[in-house]
N, C-alpha and C. Protein backbone atom coordinates (compact mmCIF):
# COMPACT_ATOMS: atom_id res chain seq x y z
N MET A 1 90.97 100.39 109.56
CA MET A 1 91.15 101.77 109.19
C MET A 1 92.28 102.13 108.35
N VAL A 2 92.19 102.97 107.37
CA VAL A 2 93.28 103.24 106.55
C VAL A 2 93.92 104.66 106.96
N ARG A 3 95.25 104.62 107.19
CA ARG A 3 95.78 105.97 107.54
C ARG A 3 95.59 107.04 106.51
N TRP A 4 95.56 108.22 106.91
CA TRP A 4 95.36 109.39 106.01
C TRP A 4 96.36 109.47 104.82
N SER A 5 97.55 109.19 105.10
CA SER A 5 98.64 109.29 104.09
C SER A 5 98.39 108.27 102.99
N LEU A 6 97.97 107.08 103.44
CA LEU A 6 97.64 106.05 102.31
C LEU A 6 96.47 106.44 101.56
N GLU A 7 95.45 106.93 102.24
CA GLU A 7 94.20 107.45 101.57
C GLU A 7 94.53 108.45 100.60
N SER A 8 95.41 109.44 101.00
CA SER A 8 95.69 110.55 100.18
C SER A 8 96.52 109.94 98.87
N PHE A 9 97.40 109.03 99.14
CA PHE A 9 98.22 108.40 98.10
C PHE A 9 97.23 107.74 97.07
N ILE A 10 96.38 106.95 97.55
CA ILE A 10 95.35 106.21 96.69
C ILE A 10 94.62 107.23 95.76
N ASN A 11 94.12 108.23 96.41
CA ASN A 11 93.21 109.11 95.72
C ASN A 11 94.07 109.84 94.64
N SER A 12 95.39 110.29 94.93
CA SER A 12 96.08 110.91 93.84
C SER A 12 96.47 109.97 92.74
N THR A 13 96.81 108.76 93.16
CA THR A 13 97.15 107.70 92.16
C THR A 13 96.02 107.46 91.30
N ILE A 14 94.87 107.30 91.66
CA ILE A 14 93.65 107.02 90.95
C ILE A 14 93.44 108.25 89.97
N ALA A 15 93.53 109.39 90.60
CA ALA A 15 93.27 110.58 89.73
C ALA A 15 94.22 110.65 88.53
N ARG A 16 95.45 110.27 88.77
CA ARG A 16 96.53 110.33 87.70
C ARG A 16 96.41 109.07 86.73
N GLY A 17 95.80 107.97 87.24
CA GLY A 17 95.68 106.76 86.45
C GLY A 17 96.95 105.91 86.27
N GLU A 18 97.87 106.11 87.09
CA GLU A 18 99.13 105.33 86.99
C GLU A 18 99.84 105.24 88.29
N ILE A 19 100.61 104.15 88.39
CA ILE A 19 101.56 104.01 89.64
C ILE A 19 102.93 104.11 89.01
N SER A 20 103.64 105.12 89.34
CA SER A 20 104.99 105.40 88.88
C SER A 20 105.99 104.72 89.81
N ARG A 21 107.23 104.72 89.30
CA ARG A 21 108.42 104.22 90.22
C ARG A 21 108.47 105.16 91.49
N ALA A 22 108.32 106.42 91.17
CA ALA A 22 108.37 107.42 92.34
C ALA A 22 107.16 107.09 93.39
N ASP A 23 106.09 106.76 92.77
CA ASP A 23 104.90 106.34 93.79
C ASP A 23 105.38 105.16 94.69
N VAL A 24 105.90 104.13 93.96
CA VAL A 24 106.31 102.95 94.77
C VAL A 24 107.43 103.33 95.70
N ASN A 25 108.41 104.17 95.43
CA ASN A 25 109.36 104.65 96.41
C ASN A 25 108.78 105.41 97.45
N SER A 26 107.74 106.22 97.19
CA SER A 26 107.13 107.09 98.15
C SER A 26 106.27 106.15 99.17
N LEU A 27 105.64 105.16 98.66
CA LEU A 27 105.01 104.10 99.50
C LEU A 27 105.96 103.52 100.48
N ARG A 28 107.10 103.08 99.94
CA ARG A 28 108.15 102.36 100.85
C ARG A 28 108.66 103.38 101.88
N ARG A 29 109.02 104.53 101.41
CA ARG A 29 109.77 105.46 102.29
C ARG A 29 108.82 106.36 103.26
N ASP A 30 107.80 106.89 102.61
CA ASP A 30 106.94 107.82 103.38
C ASP A 30 105.54 107.29 103.90
N VAL A 31 104.85 106.63 103.04
CA VAL A 31 103.42 106.27 103.31
C VAL A 31 103.39 104.89 104.17
N LEU A 32 104.25 103.91 103.82
CA LEU A 32 104.25 102.72 104.58
C LEU A 32 105.58 102.33 105.02
N PRO A 33 106.30 103.09 105.82
CA PRO A 33 107.61 102.85 106.11
C PRO A 33 107.77 101.56 107.09
N ASN A 34 106.78 101.24 107.74
CA ASN A 34 106.78 100.06 108.62
C ASN A 34 105.89 98.95 107.96
N GLY A 35 105.50 99.10 106.70
CA GLY A 35 104.67 98.06 106.09
C GLY A 35 103.17 98.34 106.34
N ILE A 36 102.34 97.34 105.78
CA ILE A 36 100.94 97.37 105.94
C ILE A 36 100.64 96.99 107.37
N GLU A 37 99.62 97.80 108.01
CA GLU A 37 99.38 97.61 109.47
C GLU A 37 97.97 97.04 109.73
N SER A 38 97.15 96.90 108.62
CA SER A 38 95.81 96.42 108.87
C SER A 38 95.26 95.74 107.58
N ARG A 39 94.20 94.95 107.71
CA ARG A 39 93.58 94.40 106.61
C ARG A 39 93.01 95.46 105.66
N ASP A 40 92.54 96.44 106.20
CA ASP A 40 92.02 97.56 105.32
C ASP A 40 93.01 98.13 104.51
N GLU A 41 94.26 98.28 105.02
CA GLU A 41 95.32 98.87 104.15
C GLU A 41 95.61 97.81 103.06
N ALA A 42 95.79 96.59 103.37
CA ALA A 42 95.96 95.55 102.38
C ALA A 42 94.86 95.57 101.30
N ASP A 43 93.67 95.66 101.78
CA ASP A 43 92.54 95.72 100.84
C ASP A 43 92.59 96.80 99.88
N VAL A 44 92.86 98.07 100.31
CA VAL A 44 92.93 99.09 99.37
C VAL A 44 94.07 98.99 98.45
N LEU A 45 95.18 98.44 98.85
CA LEU A 45 96.34 98.32 97.90
C LEU A 45 96.01 97.21 96.86
N ILE A 46 95.36 96.17 97.28
CA ILE A 46 94.91 95.08 96.36
C ILE A 46 93.89 95.72 95.39
N ALA A 47 93.01 96.52 95.89
CA ALA A 47 92.03 97.18 95.04
C ALA A 47 92.64 98.07 94.06
N LEU A 48 93.66 98.86 94.52
CA LEU A 48 94.55 99.74 93.59
C LEU A 48 95.05 99.00 92.52
N ASP A 49 95.64 97.87 92.84
CA ASP A 49 96.29 97.03 91.83
C ASP A 49 95.25 96.64 90.64
N ARG A 50 94.02 96.35 91.09
CA ARG A 50 92.93 96.08 90.18
C ARG A 50 92.55 97.31 89.32
N ALA A 51 92.52 98.36 90.05
CA ALA A 51 91.92 99.69 89.36
C ALA A 51 92.85 100.31 88.47
N ILE A 52 94.24 100.22 88.57
CA ILE A 52 95.16 100.99 87.79
C ILE A 52 95.72 99.99 86.74
N PHE A 53 95.75 100.33 85.46
CA PHE A 53 96.38 99.53 84.43
C PHE A 53 97.79 99.87 84.26
N ASP A 54 98.18 101.19 84.20
CA ASP A 54 99.52 101.61 84.01
C ASP A 54 100.34 101.59 85.31
N LYS A 55 101.18 100.53 85.45
CA LYS A 55 101.91 100.31 86.66
C LYS A 55 103.39 100.13 86.41
N ASP A 56 104.26 100.80 87.03
CA ASP A 56 105.73 100.58 86.96
C ASP A 56 106.04 99.08 87.29
N GLY A 57 107.16 98.75 86.83
CA GLY A 57 107.62 97.39 87.06
C GLY A 57 108.00 97.05 88.62
N ASP A 58 108.17 98.18 89.30
CA ASP A 58 108.49 98.02 90.72
C ASP A 58 107.34 97.86 91.58
N TRP A 59 106.14 98.00 91.04
CA TRP A 59 104.84 97.94 91.81
C TRP A 59 104.62 96.47 92.21
N ALA A 60 104.56 95.49 91.34
CA ALA A 60 104.19 94.16 91.64
C ALA A 60 105.14 93.58 92.71
N PRO A 61 106.44 93.65 92.60
CA PRO A 61 107.21 93.15 93.68
C PRO A 61 106.97 93.87 95.07
N PHE A 62 106.73 95.11 95.05
CA PHE A 62 106.43 95.84 96.17
C PHE A 62 105.10 95.35 96.80
N LEU A 63 104.11 95.32 96.04
CA LEU A 63 102.75 94.82 96.52
C LEU A 63 102.74 93.50 97.09
N ILE A 64 103.37 92.58 96.37
CA ILE A 64 103.45 91.14 96.73
C ILE A 64 104.11 91.01 98.04
N GLN A 65 105.30 91.53 98.14
CA GLN A 65 106.09 91.41 99.46
C GLN A 65 105.38 92.21 100.59
N ALA A 66 104.78 93.37 100.32
CA ALA A 66 104.15 94.01 101.46
C ALA A 66 102.96 93.11 101.96
N VAL A 67 102.15 92.70 101.05
CA VAL A 67 101.00 91.81 101.55
C VAL A 67 101.54 90.51 102.25
N VAL A 68 102.50 89.93 101.67
CA VAL A 68 102.99 88.70 102.26
C VAL A 68 103.55 89.01 103.68
N ASP A 69 104.29 90.02 103.77
CA ASP A 69 104.88 90.40 105.11
C ASP A 69 103.79 90.66 106.11
N PHE A 70 102.72 91.35 105.76
CA PHE A 70 101.60 91.58 106.66
C PHE A 70 100.89 90.27 107.00
N VAL A 71 100.48 89.45 106.04
CA VAL A 71 99.67 88.30 106.33
C VAL A 71 100.51 87.24 106.99
N VAL A 72 101.76 87.07 106.66
CA VAL A 72 102.62 85.95 107.29
C VAL A 72 103.29 86.45 108.56
N TRP A 73 103.92 87.53 108.53
CA TRP A 73 104.79 87.92 109.64
C TRP A 73 104.22 88.96 110.59
N SER A 74 103.32 89.83 110.16
CA SER A 74 102.77 90.87 111.01
C SER A 74 101.52 90.46 111.72
N SER A 75 100.75 89.57 111.16
CA SER A 75 99.46 89.07 111.70
C SER A 75 99.74 87.93 112.69
N ARG A 76 98.85 87.79 113.57
CA ARG A 76 99.00 86.75 114.49
C ARG A 76 98.00 85.58 114.04
N PRO A 77 98.31 84.30 114.23
CA PRO A 77 99.53 83.79 114.80
C PRO A 77 100.78 84.00 113.69
N THR A 78 101.83 84.46 114.12
CA THR A 78 102.94 84.68 113.26
C THR A 78 103.32 83.43 112.51
N GLY A 79 103.57 83.63 111.23
CA GLY A 79 104.07 82.47 110.31
C GLY A 79 102.88 81.52 109.89
N ARG A 80 101.66 81.63 110.38
CA ARG A 80 100.62 80.78 110.07
C ARG A 80 99.45 81.65 109.54
N VAL A 81 98.77 81.03 108.54
CA VAL A 81 97.57 81.67 107.97
C VAL A 81 96.39 80.74 108.35
N ASP A 82 95.62 81.28 109.29
CA ASP A 82 94.56 80.52 109.83
C ASP A 82 93.29 80.72 108.91
N ARG A 83 92.18 79.99 109.22
CA ARG A 83 91.02 79.98 108.41
C ARG A 83 90.51 81.41 108.20
N ASP A 84 90.40 82.20 109.20
CA ASP A 84 89.92 83.56 109.11
C ASP A 84 90.76 84.42 108.22
N ALA A 85 92.07 84.36 108.33
CA ALA A 85 92.93 85.16 107.56
C ALA A 85 92.81 84.67 106.06
N ALA A 86 92.84 83.31 105.87
CA ALA A 86 92.72 82.77 104.46
C ALA A 86 91.46 83.27 103.83
N GLU A 87 90.29 83.09 104.54
CA GLU A 87 89.07 83.57 103.98
C GLU A 87 89.04 85.06 103.58
N TRP A 88 89.58 85.84 104.53
CA TRP A 88 89.70 87.34 104.20
C TRP A 88 90.52 87.49 102.93
N LEU A 89 91.72 86.88 102.90
CA LEU A 89 92.63 87.14 101.80
C LEU A 89 92.01 86.68 100.50
N VAL A 90 91.41 85.51 100.45
CA VAL A 90 90.75 84.95 99.27
C VAL A 90 89.73 86.01 98.79
N SER A 91 88.98 86.47 99.70
CA SER A 91 87.91 87.45 99.31
C SER A 91 88.51 88.68 98.78
N SER A 92 89.46 89.22 99.32
CA SER A 92 90.17 90.46 98.91
C SER A 92 90.75 90.26 97.50
N LEU A 93 91.50 89.09 97.41
CA LEU A 93 92.29 88.82 96.19
C LEU A 93 91.39 88.49 95.04
N GLY A 94 90.27 87.82 95.25
CA GLY A 94 89.31 87.45 94.20
C GLY A 94 88.40 88.56 93.86
N CYS A 95 87.96 89.39 94.76
CA CYS A 95 87.08 90.50 94.51
C CYS A 95 85.89 90.18 93.69
N GLY A 96 85.28 88.99 93.79
CA GLY A 96 84.21 88.61 93.24
C GLY A 96 84.24 88.19 91.79
N SER A 97 85.19 88.95 91.01
CA SER A 97 85.27 88.72 89.58
C SER A 97 86.57 87.94 89.18
N GLY A 98 87.25 87.44 90.12
CA GLY A 98 88.54 86.75 89.93
C GLY A 98 89.67 87.65 90.23
N PRO A 99 90.76 86.90 90.43
CA PRO A 99 92.01 87.63 90.85
C PRO A 99 92.87 88.22 89.61
N THR A 100 93.65 89.21 89.90
CA THR A 100 94.57 89.65 88.92
C THR A 100 95.82 88.75 89.06
N ARG A 101 96.72 88.83 88.14
CA ARG A 101 97.97 88.15 88.13
C ARG A 101 98.78 88.32 89.44
N ASN A 102 98.74 89.65 89.79
CA ASN A 102 99.47 90.02 91.04
C ASN A 102 98.79 89.43 92.29
N ALA A 103 97.43 89.32 92.31
CA ALA A 103 96.72 88.73 93.41
C ALA A 103 97.03 87.17 93.51
N VAL A 104 97.15 86.47 92.42
CA VAL A 104 97.54 85.05 92.45
C VAL A 104 98.93 84.88 92.95
N ALA A 105 99.85 85.88 92.48
CA ALA A 105 101.18 85.78 92.99
C ALA A 105 101.32 86.06 94.52
N ILE A 106 100.43 87.00 95.00
CA ILE A 106 100.36 87.15 96.46
C ILE A 106 100.00 85.88 97.21
N ALA A 107 98.86 85.24 96.76
CA ALA A 107 98.41 84.00 97.33
C ALA A 107 99.55 82.92 97.25
N PHE A 108 100.26 82.72 96.15
CA PHE A 108 101.12 81.67 96.02
C PHE A 108 102.38 82.01 96.99
N GLU A 109 102.80 83.31 96.99
CA GLU A 109 103.95 83.66 97.88
C GLU A 109 103.57 83.58 99.39
N VAL A 110 102.29 83.82 99.80
CA VAL A 110 101.88 83.63 101.12
C VAL A 110 101.97 82.14 101.49
N ILE A 111 101.52 81.31 100.60
CA ILE A 111 101.54 79.83 100.84
C ILE A 111 103.12 79.42 101.05
N ARG A 112 103.90 79.84 100.08
CA ARG A 112 105.29 79.51 100.06
C ARG A 112 106.04 79.93 101.31
N GLU A 113 105.72 81.13 101.78
CA GLU A 113 106.48 81.63 102.93
C GLU A 113 105.94 81.23 104.29
N ALA A 114 104.67 80.97 104.45
CA ALA A 114 104.07 80.62 105.70
C ALA A 114 104.50 79.19 106.15
N GLU A 115 104.53 79.05 107.46
CA GLU A 115 104.83 77.74 107.99
C GLU A 115 103.63 76.77 107.73
N SER A 116 102.44 77.37 107.82
CA SER A 116 101.22 76.63 107.54
C SER A 116 100.09 77.56 106.98
N THR A 117 99.25 76.92 106.15
CA THR A 117 98.35 77.84 105.48
C THR A 117 96.98 77.03 105.41
N ASP A 118 95.87 77.70 105.68
CA ASP A 118 94.68 77.14 105.69
C ASP A 118 94.30 76.68 104.22
N GLU A 119 93.49 75.62 104.07
CA GLU A 119 93.20 75.06 102.73
C GLU A 119 92.43 75.98 101.84
N ALA A 120 91.76 77.00 102.44
CA ALA A 120 90.97 77.94 101.54
C ALA A 120 91.95 78.66 100.64
N LEU A 121 92.98 79.11 101.15
CA LEU A 121 93.97 79.81 100.25
C LEU A 121 94.63 78.86 99.24
N VAL A 122 94.93 77.70 99.64
CA VAL A 122 95.54 76.65 98.72
C VAL A 122 94.60 76.30 97.65
N THR A 123 93.25 76.14 97.98
CA THR A 123 92.24 75.90 97.01
C THR A 123 92.14 77.05 95.93
N PHE A 124 92.26 78.28 96.50
CA PHE A 124 92.19 79.49 95.64
C PHE A 124 93.28 79.42 94.53
N VAL A 125 94.47 79.16 94.98
CA VAL A 125 95.66 79.08 94.07
C VAL A 125 95.36 77.92 93.01
N MET A 126 95.06 76.75 93.55
CA MET A 126 94.82 75.59 92.69
C MET A 126 93.74 75.87 91.67
N ARG A 127 92.62 76.52 92.05
CA ARG A 127 91.57 76.85 91.04
C ARG A 127 92.07 77.77 89.99
N TRP A 128 92.85 78.73 90.37
CA TRP A 128 93.37 79.66 89.39
C TRP A 128 94.32 78.94 88.45
N ARG A 129 95.22 78.01 88.99
CA ARG A 129 96.10 77.30 88.15
C ARG A 129 95.29 76.47 87.12
N ALA A 130 94.25 75.79 87.67
CA ALA A 130 93.45 74.95 86.79
C ALA A 130 92.79 75.73 85.67
N ARG A 131 92.34 77.05 86.02
CA ARG A 131 91.76 77.88 85.09
C ARG A 131 92.71 78.34 84.02
N GLU A 132 93.91 78.61 84.42
CA GLU A 132 95.06 79.00 83.47
C GLU A 132 95.34 77.85 82.59
N SER A 133 95.45 76.66 83.05
CA SER A 133 95.72 75.44 82.30
C SER A 133 94.63 75.27 81.21
N ALA A 134 93.39 75.47 81.62
CA ALA A 134 92.23 75.27 80.71
C ALA A 134 92.29 76.39 79.53
N VAL A 135 92.65 77.53 79.90
CA VAL A 135 92.77 78.59 78.90
C VAL A 135 93.85 78.12 77.89
N LEU A 136 95.03 77.74 78.34
CA LEU A 136 96.04 77.29 77.51
C LEU A 136 95.58 76.12 76.67
N ALA A 137 94.91 75.22 77.17
CA ALA A 137 94.57 74.00 76.43
C ALA A 137 93.42 74.22 75.45
N HIS A 138 92.43 75.19 75.84
CA HIS A 138 91.22 75.17 75.09
C HIS A 138 91.06 76.63 74.46
N GLY A 139 91.89 77.52 74.87
CA GLY A 139 91.68 78.86 74.27
C GLY A 139 90.75 79.77 74.96
N ARG A 140 89.94 79.25 75.97
CA ARG A 140 89.05 80.13 76.63
C ARG A 140 88.89 79.66 78.11
N ALA A 141 88.49 80.57 78.94
CA ALA A 141 88.41 80.18 80.36
C ALA A 141 87.12 79.63 80.83
N PRO A 142 87.17 78.47 81.41
CA PRO A 142 85.81 77.92 82.02
C PRO A 142 85.36 78.87 83.15
N GLU A 143 84.06 78.64 83.37
CA GLU A 143 83.54 79.47 84.47
C GLU A 143 83.89 78.85 85.79
N LEU A 144 84.54 79.65 86.66
CA LEU A 144 84.85 79.17 87.98
C LEU A 144 84.24 80.15 88.96
N VAL A 145 83.85 79.64 90.11
CA VAL A 145 83.34 80.60 91.15
C VAL A 145 84.33 80.66 92.27
N PHE A 146 84.76 81.81 92.70
CA PHE A 146 85.72 81.95 93.75
C PHE A 146 84.99 82.45 95.05
């Protein structure tokens, strides 16, 4: 379940079509003062990242750290990303059509910060890295299924 203040924030942000520095500060201070509290909240922020093109430079570091803190330190077992959490995160980050750069950064930082991570998340990052390498080498992306 998503708290009302976050839902209101999402709706107004989508209506304006941008995430400003003031929006990021409001998220930190007013909307999510204790961080993300559920998978639903993480999902809507990840979806917002995909939906909005015009984002202030403070957005990516905020989003990445907020999701990492939730996945690694707020969820149980603390410090570990089990199979269930990894599969949920891969699904949310990939969103069927492939991850955004911020989504890949979230996955990479979760792996880096967690004491242990299920292979589903590691595979997700490795596939994206292989795709990026292929784009650089051949000028086009191969078809990958996430």
